[in-house]
Every structure is written in structure tokens, then in C-alpha cells.
Amino acid sequence: MSSFAGTGKKSAWETWTNFPQATNAFLEMYLHSAKLSKSCLAMVWHFVVLLYNRTSTSGSVNCTRKQLFIQKGRTLENIPPTHDALM
């Protein structure tokens, strides 16, 4: 996947700047992509959540999808990918 729907490079960069903890997870993904730790995956999932909702404290992309779709009325194209899609 080269991009996330509705989220551009600028948004990704701003999210990363505000969530620098993701750096170690990205490094792990680059160096050990065959076997990622649970903490790495959790950090990446939280980063993706923040891409779509910067104020979210959720680490679950599926819960965030539901919240954004139901409570905020976003279309399916403007919510994060499912957990399975990220995997």
C-alpha cells in the first residue's frame, strides 16, 4: 500500500512529528519485517489511528473505524483500514 485513503504525505509527516515514538516501530519494520514484536505492531496501529483522528487515545483501528463512521459520519473511504488490512 503506497498511501492511506484521504491521508497525504503532509498529514503523515505531521502525525509522525507529533508521535515520535513511532520511529522505533518504523525502524523495526524496516530491519525485521518478517517478525515484528507486539509492541511494534501496537505502535504502528496507534500511529494509523492518529493519522485519521489526531485526538484519539485508541490503539485499535477497528474501534476507531467504528467511532469515525458512526459518531463523526465519515464515509468508508475516509476511515482507517481494518486491522486485517493493516496486517
PDB file of N, CA and C in Angstrom:
ATOM      1  N   MET A   1       0.852  -1.169   0.000  1.00  0.00           N
ATOM      2  CA  MET A   1       0.000   0.000   0.000  1.00  0.00           C
ATOM      3  C   MET A   1       0.895   1.229   0.000  1.00  0.00           C
ATOM      4  N   SER A   2       0.695   2.117  -0.926  1.00  0.00           N
ATOM      5  CA  SER A   2       1.536   3.296  -1.020  1.00  0.00           C
ATOM      6  C   SER A   2       0.978   4.481  -0.243  1.00  0.00           C
ATOM      7  N   SER A   3      -0.299   4.446   0.073  1.00  0.00           N
ATOM      8  CA  SER A   3      -0.883   5.551   0.831  1.00  0.00           C
ATOM      9  C   SER A   3      -2.154   5.096   1.534  1.00  0.00           C
ATOM     10  N   PHE A   4      -2.606   5.927   2.447  1.00  0.00           N
ATOM     11  CA  PHE A   4      -3.862   5.686   3.143  1.00  0.00           C
ATOM     12  C   PHE A   4      -4.891   6.650   2.573  1.00  0.00           C
ATOM     13  N   ALA A   5      -6.089   6.163   2.307  1.00  0.00           N
ATOM     14  CA  ALA A   5      -7.133   6.980   1.695  1.00  0.00           C
ATOM     15  C   ALA A   5      -7.383   8.252   2.493  1.00  0.00           C
ATOM     16  N   GLY A   6      -7.360   9.363   1.798  1.00  0.00           N
ATOM     17  CA  GLY A   6      -7.660  10.641   2.418  1.00  0.00           C
ATOM     18  C   GLY A   6      -6.551  11.201   3.286  1.00  0.00           C
ATOM     19  N   THR A   7      -5.401  10.534   3.320  1.00  0.00           N
ATOM     20  CA  THR A   7      -4.291  10.988   4.152  1.00  0.00           C
ATOM     21  C   THR A   7      -3.056  11.131   3.279  1.00  0.00           C
ATOM     22  N   GLY A   8      -2.555  12.339   3.197  1.00  0.00           N
ATOM     23  CA  GLY A   8      -1.396  12.601   2.351  1.00  0.00           C
ATOM     24  C   GLY A   8      -0.084  12.598   3.121  1.00  0.00           C
ATOM     25  N   LYS A   9       0.978  12.887   2.393  1.00  0.00           N
ATOM     26  CA  LYS A   9       2.317  12.896   2.983  1.00  0.00           C
ATOM     27  C   LYS A   9       2.447  13.935   4.089  1.00  0.00           C
ATOM     28  N   LYS A  10       1.852  15.096   3.876  1.00  0.00           N
ATOM     29  CA  LYS A  10       1.946  16.167   4.872  1.00  0.00           C
ATOM     30  C   LYS A  10       1.283  15.738   6.181  1.00  0.00           C
ATOM     31  N   SER A  11       0.116  15.131   6.092  1.00  0.00           N
ATOM     32  CA  SER A  11      -0.582  14.658   7.295  1.00  0.00           C
ATOM     33  C   SER A  11       0.220  13.570   7.996  1.00  0.00           C
ATOM     34  N   ALA A  12       0.803  12.666   7.211  1.00  0.00           N
ATOM     35  CA  ALA A  12       1.611  11.597   7.798  1.00  0.00           C
ATOM     36  C   ALA A  12       2.828  12.179   8.497  1.00  0.00           C
ATOM     37  N   TRP A  13       3.473  13.151   7.860  1.00  0.00           N
ATOM     38  CA  TRP A  13       4.654  13.774   8.463  1.00  0.00           C
ATOM     39  C   TRP A  13       4.278  14.508   9.757  1.00  0.00           C
ATOM     40  N   GLU A  14       3.198  15.241   9.754  1.00  0.00           N
ATOM     41  CA  GLU A  14       2.760  15.968  10.953  1.00  0.00           C
ATOM     42  C   GLU A  14       2.409  14.996  12.082  1.00  0.00           C
ATOM     43  N   THR A  15       1.768  13.895  11.727  1.00  0.00           N
ATOM     44  CA  THR A  15       1.430  12.890  12.740  1.00  0.00           C
ATOM     45  C   THR A  15       2.697  12.292  13.324  1.00  0.00           C
ATOM     46  N   TRP A  16       3.648  11.963  12.482  1.00  0.00           N
ATOM     47  CA  TRP A  16       4.913  11.395  12.940  1.00  0.00           C
ATOM     48  C   TRP A  16       5.666  12.403  13.816  1.00  0.00           C
ATOM     49  N   THR A  17       5.651  13.675  13.423  1.00  0.00           N
ATOM     50  CA  THR A  17       6.307  14.710  14.216  1.00  0.00           C
ATOM     51  C   THR A  17       5.685  14.804  15.612  1.00  0.00           C
ATOM     52  N   ASN A  18       4.374  14.638  15.693  1.00  0.00           N
ATOM     53  CA  ASN A  18       3.676  14.710  16.979  1.00  0.00           C
ATOM     54  C   ASN A  18       3.660  13.383  17.733  1.00  0.00           C
ATOM     55  N   PHE A  19       4.085  12.310  17.087  1.00  0.00           N
ATOM     56  CA  PHE A  19       4.110  10.982  17.700  1.00  0.00           C
ATOM     57  C   PHE A  19       5.446  10.306  17.372  1.00  0.00           C
ATOM     58  N   PRO A  20       6.563  10.878  17.879  1.00  0.00           N
ATOM     59  CA  PRO A  20       7.885  10.368  17.526  1.00  0.00           C
ATOM     60  C   PRO A  20       8.166   8.956  18.049  1.00  0.00           C
ATOM     61  N   GLN A  21       7.342   8.477  18.960  1.00  0.00           N
ATOM     62  CA  GLN A  21       7.508   7.109  19.469  1.00  0.00           C
ATOM     63  C   GLN A  21       7.385   6.093  18.342  1.00  0.00           C
ATOM     64  N   ALA A  22       6.736   6.463  17.268  1.00  0.00           N
ATOM     65  CA  ALA A  22       6.557   5.558  16.136  1.00  0.00           C
ATOM     66  C   ALA A  22       7.870   5.273  15.410  1.00  0.00           C
ATOM     67  N   THR A  23       8.863   6.114  15.597  1.00  0.00           N
ATOM     68  CA  THR A  23      10.140   5.949  14.891  1.00  0.00           C
ATOM     69  C   THR A  23      10.750   4.576  15.144  1.00  0.00           C
ATOM     70  N   ASN A  24      10.793   4.145  16.383  1.00  0.00           N
ATOM     71  CA  ASN A  24      11.372   2.836  16.688  1.00  0.00           C
ATOM     72  C   ASN A  24      10.580   1.705  16.031  1.00  0.00           C
ATOM     73  N   ALA A  25       9.289   1.855  15.979  1.00  0.00           N
ATOM     74  CA  ALA A  25       8.459   0.835  15.317  1.00  0.00           C
ATOM     75  C   ALA A  25       8.749   0.798  13.820  1.00  0.00           C
ATOM     76  N   PHE A  26       8.907   1.964  13.209  1.00  0.00           N
ATOM     77  CA  PHE A  26       9.227   2.006  11.786  1.00  0.00           C
ATOM     78  C   PHE A  26      10.593   1.386  11.510  1.00  0.00           C
ATOM     79  N   LEU A  27      11.547   1.642  12.397  1.00  0.00           N
ATOM     80  CA  LEU A  27      12.869   1.032  12.243  1.00  0.00           C
ATOM     81  C   LEU A  27      12.786  -0.485  12.362  1.00  0.00           C
ATOM     82  N   GLU A  28      12.003  -0.957  13.323  1.00  0.00           N
ATOM     83  CA  GLU A  28      11.837  -2.400  13.471  1.00  0.00           C
ATOM     84  C   GLU A  28      11.193  -3.003  12.223  1.00  0.00           C
ATOM     85  N   MET A  29      10.213  -2.310  11.673  1.00  0.00           N
ATOM     86  CA  MET A  29       9.565  -2.801  10.456  1.00  0.00           C
ATOM     87  C   MET A  29      10.569  -2.901   9.313  1.00  0.00           C
ATOM     88  N   TYR A  30      11.451  -1.931   9.236  1.00  0.00           N
ATOM     89  CA  TYR A  30      12.446  -1.910   8.169  1.00  0.00           C
ATOM     90  C   TYR A  30      13.488  -3.017   8.365  1.00  0.00           C
ATOM     91  N   LEU A  31      13.941  -3.196   9.588  1.00  0.00           N
ATOM     92  CA  LEU A  31      15.030  -4.138   9.860  1.00  0.00           C
ATOM     93  C   LEU A  31      14.575  -5.580  10.041  1.00  0.00           C
ATOM     94  N   HIS A  32      13.370  -5.776  10.560  1.00  0.00           N
ATOM     95  CA  HIS A  32      12.909  -7.126  10.912  1.00  0.00           C
ATOM     96  C   HIS A  32      11.486  -7.367  10.417  1.00  0.00           C
ATOM     97  N   SER A  33      11.235  -7.087   9.175  1.00  0.00           N
ATOM     98  CA  SER A  33       9.862  -7.136   8.664  1.00  0.00           C
ATOM     99  C   SER A  33       9.238  -8.532   8.717  1.00  0.00           C
ATOM    100  N   ALA A  34      10.039  -9.572   8.783  1.00  0.00           N
ATOM    101  CA  ALA A  34       9.489 -10.930   8.808  1.00  0.00           C
ATOM    102  C   ALA A  34       8.855 -11.262  10.153  1.00  0.00           C
ATOM    103  N   LYS A  35       9.367 -10.681  11.228  1.00  0.00           N
ATOM    104  CA  LYS A  35       8.869 -10.993  12.572  1.00  0.00           C
ATOM    105  C   LYS A  35       8.841  -9.709  13.393  1.00  0.00           C
ATOM    106  N   LEU A  36       7.655  -9.128  13.531  1.00  0.00           N
ATOM    107  CA  LEU A  36       7.509  -7.884  14.281  1.00  0.00           C
ATOM    108  C   LEU A  36       6.989  -8.168  15.680  1.00  0.00           C
ATOM    109  N   SER A  37       7.498  -7.427  16.644  1.00  0.00           N
ATOM    110  CA  SER A  37       7.056  -7.590  18.026  1.00  0.00           C
ATOM    111  C   SER A  37       5.643  -7.036  18.200  1.00  0.00           C
ATOM    112  N   LYS A  38       4.992  -7.497  19.256  1.00  0.00           N
ATOM    113  CA  LYS A  38       3.643  -6.991  19.555  1.00  0.00           C
ATOM    114  C   LYS A  38       3.677  -5.503  19.853  1.00  0.00           C
ATOM    115  N   SER A  39       4.729  -5.034  20.512  1.00  0.00           N
ATOM    116  CA  SER A  39       4.820  -3.611  20.835  1.00  0.00           C
ATOM    117  C   SER A  39       4.996  -2.781  19.559  1.00  0.00           C
ATOM    118  N   CYS A  40       5.727  -3.310  18.603  1.00  0.00           N
ATOM    119  CA  CYS A  40       5.891  -2.615  17.315  1.00  0.00           C
ATOM    120  C   CYS A  40       4.548  -2.501  16.605  1.00  0.00           C
ATOM    121  N   LEU A  41       3.843  -3.609  16.519  1.00  0.00           N
ATOM    122  CA  LEU A  41       2.535  -3.592  15.855  1.00  0.00           C
ATOM    123  C   LEU A  41       1.576  -2.641  16.553  1.00  0.00           C
ATOM    124  N   ALA A  42       1.567  -2.652  17.869  1.00  0.00           N
ATOM    125  CA  ALA A  42       0.684  -1.756  18.621  1.00  0.00           C
ATOM    126  C   ALA A  42       1.015  -0.294  18.331  1.00  0.00           C
ATOM    127  N   MET A  43       2.301   0.013  18.220  1.00  0.00           N
ATOM    128  CA  MET A  43       2.728   1.383  17.934  1.00  0.00           C
ATOM    129  C   MET A  43       2.294   1.798  16.528  1.00  0.00           C
ATOM    130  N   VAL A  44       2.429   0.905  15.569  1.00  0.00           N
ATOM    131  CA  VAL A  44       2.018   1.206  14.193  1.00  0.00           C
ATOM    132  C   VAL A  44       0.512   1.395  14.126  1.00  0.00           C
ATOM    133  N   TRP A  45      -0.232   0.520  14.800  1.00  0.00           N
ATOM    134  CA  TRP A  45      -1.692   0.658  14.806  1.00  0.00           C
ATOM    135  C   TRP A  45      -2.102   1.996  15.404  1.00  0.00           C
ATOM    136  N   HIS A  46      -1.443   2.392  16.495  1.00  0.00           N
ATOM    137  CA  HIS A  46      -1.777   3.678  17.122  1.00  0.00           C
ATOM    138  C   HIS A  46      -1.432   4.833  16.169  1.00  0.00           C
ATOM    139  N   PHE A  47      -0.319   4.726  15.478  1.00  0.00           N
ATOM    140  CA  PHE A  47       0.050   5.756  14.508  1.00  0.00           C
ATOM    141  C   PHE A  47      -1.031   5.890  13.426  1.00  0.00           C
ATOM    142  N   VAL A  48      -1.516   4.767  12.921  1.00  0.00           N
ATOM    143  CA  VAL A  48      -2.558   4.804  11.892  1.00  0.00           C
ATOM    144  C   VAL A  48      -3.834   5.435  12.449  1.00  0.00           C
ATOM    145  N   VAL A  49      -4.174   5.109  13.677  1.00  0.00           N
ATOM    146  CA  VAL A  49      -5.340   5.736  14.317  1.00  0.00           C
ATOM    147  C   VAL A  49      -5.156   7.250  14.338  1.00  0.00           C
ATOM    148  N   LEU A  50      -3.959   7.703  14.726  1.00  0.00           N
ATOM    149  CA  LEU A  50      -3.696   9.140  14.810  1.00  0.00           C
ATOM    150  C   LEU A  50      -3.718   9.816  13.434  1.00  0.00           C
ATOM    151  N   LEU A  51      -3.400   9.084  12.385  1.00  0.00           N
ATOM    152  CA  LEU A  51      -3.495   9.647  11.035  1.00  0.00           C
ATOM    153  C   LEU A  51      -4.918  10.091  10.719  1.00  0.00           C
ATOM    154  N   TYR A  52      -5.875   9.360  11.231  1.00  0.00           N
ATOM    155  CA  TYR A  52      -7.278   9.627  10.930  1.00  0.00           C
ATOM    156  C   TYR A  52      -7.999  10.436  12.008  1.00  0.00           C
ATOM    157  N   ASN A  53      -7.470  10.390  13.235  1.00  0.00           N
ATOM    158  CA  ASN A  53      -8.093  11.126  14.335  1.00  0.00           C
ATOM    159  C   ASN A  53      -7.005  11.491  15.339  1.00  0.00           C
ATOM    160  N   ARG A  54      -6.447  12.675  15.190  1.00  0.00           N
ATOM    161  CA  ARG A  54      -5.280  13.095  15.982  1.00  0.00           C
ATOM    162  C   ARG A  54      -5.521  13.181  17.479  1.00  0.00           C
ATOM    163  N   THR A  55      -6.759  13.220  17.900  1.00  0.00           N
ATOM    164  CA  THR A  55      -7.043  13.324  19.334  1.00  0.00           C
ATOM    165  C   THR A  55      -7.389  11.976  19.959  1.00  0.00           C
ATOM    166  N   SER A  56      -7.380  10.936  19.168  1.00  0.00           N
ATOM    167  CA  SER A  56      -7.774   9.621  19.673  1.00  0.00           C
ATOM    168  C   SER A  56      -6.738   9.049  20.636  1.00  0.00           C
ATOM    169  N   THR A  57      -7.231   8.360  21.644  1.00  0.00           N
ATOM    170  CA  THR A  57      -6.349   7.636  22.569  1.00  0.00           C
ATOM    171  C   THR A  57      -6.445   6.136  22.318  1.00  0.00           C
ATOM    172  N   SER A  58      -7.203   5.761  21.323  1.00  0.00           N
ATOM    173  CA  SER A  58      -7.403   4.355  20.995  1.00  0.00           C
ATOM    174  C   SER A  58      -6.176   3.779  20.302  1.00  0.00           C
ATOM    175  N   GLY A  59      -5.905   2.525  20.570  1.00  0.00           N
ATOM    176  CA  GLY A  59      -4.863   1.810  19.852  1.00  0.00           C
ATOM    177  C   GLY A  59      -5.463   0.819  18.882  1.00  0.00           C
ATOM    178  N   SER A  60      -6.779   0.797  18.805  1.00  0.00           N
ATOM    179  CA  SER A  60      -7.482  -0.173  17.972  1.00  0.00           C
ATOM    180  C   SER A  60      -8.012   0.497  16.710  1.00  0.00           C
ATOM    181  N   VAL A  61      -7.531   0.051  15.565  1.00  0.00           N
ATOM    182  CA  VAL A  61      -8.020   0.634  14.324  1.00  0.00           C
ATOM    183  C   VAL A  61      -9.479   0.282  14.092  1.00  0.00           C
ATOM    184  N   ASN A  62      -9.900  -0.908  14.490  1.00  0.00           N
ATOM    185  CA  ASN A  62     -11.296  -1.291  14.288  1.00  0.00           C
ATOM    186  C   ASN A  62     -12.238  -0.442  15.136  1.00  0.00           C
ATOM    187  N   CYS A  63     -11.869  -0.167  16.386  1.00  0.00           N
ATOM    188  CA  CYS A  63     -12.702   0.702  17.233  1.00  0.00           C
ATOM    189  C   CYS A  63     -12.731   2.119  16.678  1.00  0.00           C
ATOM    190  N   THR A  64     -11.600   2.584  16.215  1.00  0.00           N
ATOM    191  CA  THR A  64     -11.544   3.930  15.643  1.00  0.00           C
ATOM    192  C   THR A  64     -12.385   4.018  14.383  1.00  0.00           C
ATOM    193  N   ARG A  65     -12.336   2.979  13.536  1.00  0.00           N
ATOM    194  CA  ARG A  65     -13.177   2.938  12.335  1.00  0.00           C
ATOM    195  C   ARG A  65     -14.640   3.113  12.714  1.00  0.00           C
ATOM    196  N   LYS A  66     -15.056   2.353  13.716  1.00  0.00           N
ATOM    197  CA  LYS A  66     -16.456   2.400  14.145  1.00  0.00           C
ATOM    198  C   LYS A  66     -16.822   3.792  14.656  1.00  0.00           C
ATOM    199  N   GLN A  67     -15.957   4.364  15.502  1.00  0.00           N
ATOM    200  CA  GLN A  67     -16.228   5.687  16.057  1.00  0.00           C
ATOM    201  C   GLN A  67     -16.329   6.745  14.965  1.00  0.00           C
ATOM    202  N   LEU A  68     -15.388   6.728  14.037  1.00  0.00           N
ATOM    203  CA  LEU A  68     -15.384   7.737  12.983  1.00  0.00           C
ATOM    204  C   LEU A  68     -16.565   7.580  12.032  1.00  0.00           C
ATOM    205  N   PHE A  69     -16.957   6.352  11.773  1.00  0.00           N
ATOM    206  CA  PHE A  69     -18.071   6.100  10.862  1.00  0.00           C
ATOM    207  C   PHE A  69     -19.405   6.457  11.506  1.00  0.00           C
ATOM    208  N   ILE A  70     -19.615   6.009  12.742  1.00  0.00           N
ATOM    209  CA  ILE A  70     -20.907   6.207  13.409  1.00  0.00           C
ATOM    210  C   ILE A  70     -21.030   7.596  14.023  1.00  0.00           C
ATOM    211  N   GLN A  71     -20.052   7.988  14.832  1.00  0.00           N
ATOM    212  CA  GLN A  71     -20.170   9.231  15.598  1.00  0.00           C
ATOM    213  C   GLN A  71     -19.830  10.469  14.785  1.00  0.00           C
ATOM    214  N   LYS A  72     -18.889  10.359  13.873  1.00  0.00           N
ATOM    215  CA  LYS A  72     -18.452  11.541  13.128  1.00  0.00           C
ATOM    216  C   LYS A  72     -18.989  11.567  11.705  1.00  0.00           C
ATOM    217  N   GLY A  73     -19.680  10.490  11.289  1.00  0.00           N
ATOM    218  CA  GLY A  73     -20.312  10.464   9.979  1.00  0.00           C
ATOM    219  C   GLY A  73     -19.367  10.423   8.795  1.00  0.00           C
ATOM    220  N   ARG A  74     -18.157   9.942   8.981  1.00  0.00           N
ATOM    221  CA  ARG A  74     -17.217   9.852   7.864  1.00  0.00           C
ATOM    222  C   ARG A  74     -17.597   8.708   6.927  1.00  0.00           C
ATOM    223  N   THR A  75     -17.237   8.867   5.676  1.00  0.00           N
ATOM    224  CA  THR A  75     -17.507   7.818   4.705  1.00  0.00           C
ATOM    225  C   THR A  75     -16.489   6.693   4.863  1.00  0.00           C
ATOM    226  N   LEU A  76     -16.781   5.550   4.291  1.00  0.00           N
ATOM    227  CA  LEU A  76     -15.874   4.410   4.377  1.00  0.00           C
ATOM    228  C   LEU A  76     -14.495   4.727   3.797  1.00  0.00           C
ATOM    229  N   GLU A  77     -14.440   5.596   2.801  1.00  0.00           N
ATOM    230  CA  GLU A  77     -13.164   5.960   2.187  1.00  0.00           C
ATOM    231  C   GLU A  77     -12.313   6.829   3.098  1.00  0.00           C
ATOM    232  N   ASN A  78     -12.906   7.428   4.127  1.00  0.00           N
ATOM    233  CA  ASN A  78     -12.196   8.361   4.997  1.00  0.00           C
ATOM    234  C   ASN A  78     -12.023   7.853   6.419  1.00  0.00           C
ATOM    235  N   ILE A  79     -11.999   6.543   6.565  1.00  0.00           N
ATOM    236  CA  ILE A  79     -11.711   5.949   7.867  1.00  0.00           C
ATOM    237  C   ILE A  79     -10.530   4.999   7.695  1.00  0.00           C
ATOM    238  N   PRO A  80      -9.850   4.669   8.781  1.00  0.00           N
ATOM    239  CA  PRO A  80      -8.664   3.811   8.667  1.00  0.00           C
ATOM    240  C   PRO A  80      -8.982   2.437   8.108  1.00  0.00           C
ATOM    241  N   PRO A  81      -7.960   1.767   7.572  1.00  0.00           N
ATOM    242  CA  PRO A  81      -8.154   0.386   7.117  1.00  0.00           C
ATOM    243  C   PRO A  81      -8.432  -0.518   8.310  1.00  0.00           C
ATOM    244  N   THR A  82      -8.990  -1.661   8.054  1.00  0.00           N
ATOM    245  CA  THR A  82      -9.257  -2.617   9.137  1.00  0.00           C
ATOM    246  C   THR A  82      -7.945  -3.169   9.683  1.00  0.00           C
ATOM    247  N   HIS A  83      -8.043  -3.773  10.846  1.00  0.00           N
ATOM    248  CA  HIS A  83      -6.901  -4.441  11.462  1.00  0.00           C
ATOM    249  C   HIS A  83      -6.315  -5.476  10.506  1.00  0.00           C
ATOM    250  N   ASP A  84      -7.175  -6.267   9.910  1.00  0.00           N
ATOM    251  CA  ASP A  84      -6.718  -7.317   8.991  1.00  0.00           C
ATOM    252  C   ASP A  84      -6.010  -6.725   7.763  1.00  0.00           C
ATOM    253  N   ALA A  85      -6.514  -5.617   7.260  1.00  0.00           N
ATOM    254  CA  ALA A  85      -5.874  -4.977   6.104  1.00  0.00           C
ATOM    255  C   ALA A  85      -4.483  -4.476   6.466  1.00  0.00           C
ATOM    256  N   LEU A  86      -4.331  -3.950   7.670  1.00  0.00           N
ATOM    257  CA  LEU A  86      -3.006  -3.490   8.098  1.00  0.00           C
ATOM    258  C   LEU A  86      -2.021  -4.645   8.239  1.00  0.00           C
ATOM    259  N   MET A  87      -2.530  -5.761   8.718  1.00  0.00           N
ATOM    260  CA  MET A  87      -1.648  -6.930   8.871  1.00  0.00           C
ATOM    261  C   MET A  87      -1.184  -7.401   7.519  1.00  0.00           C
TER     262      MET A  87
END
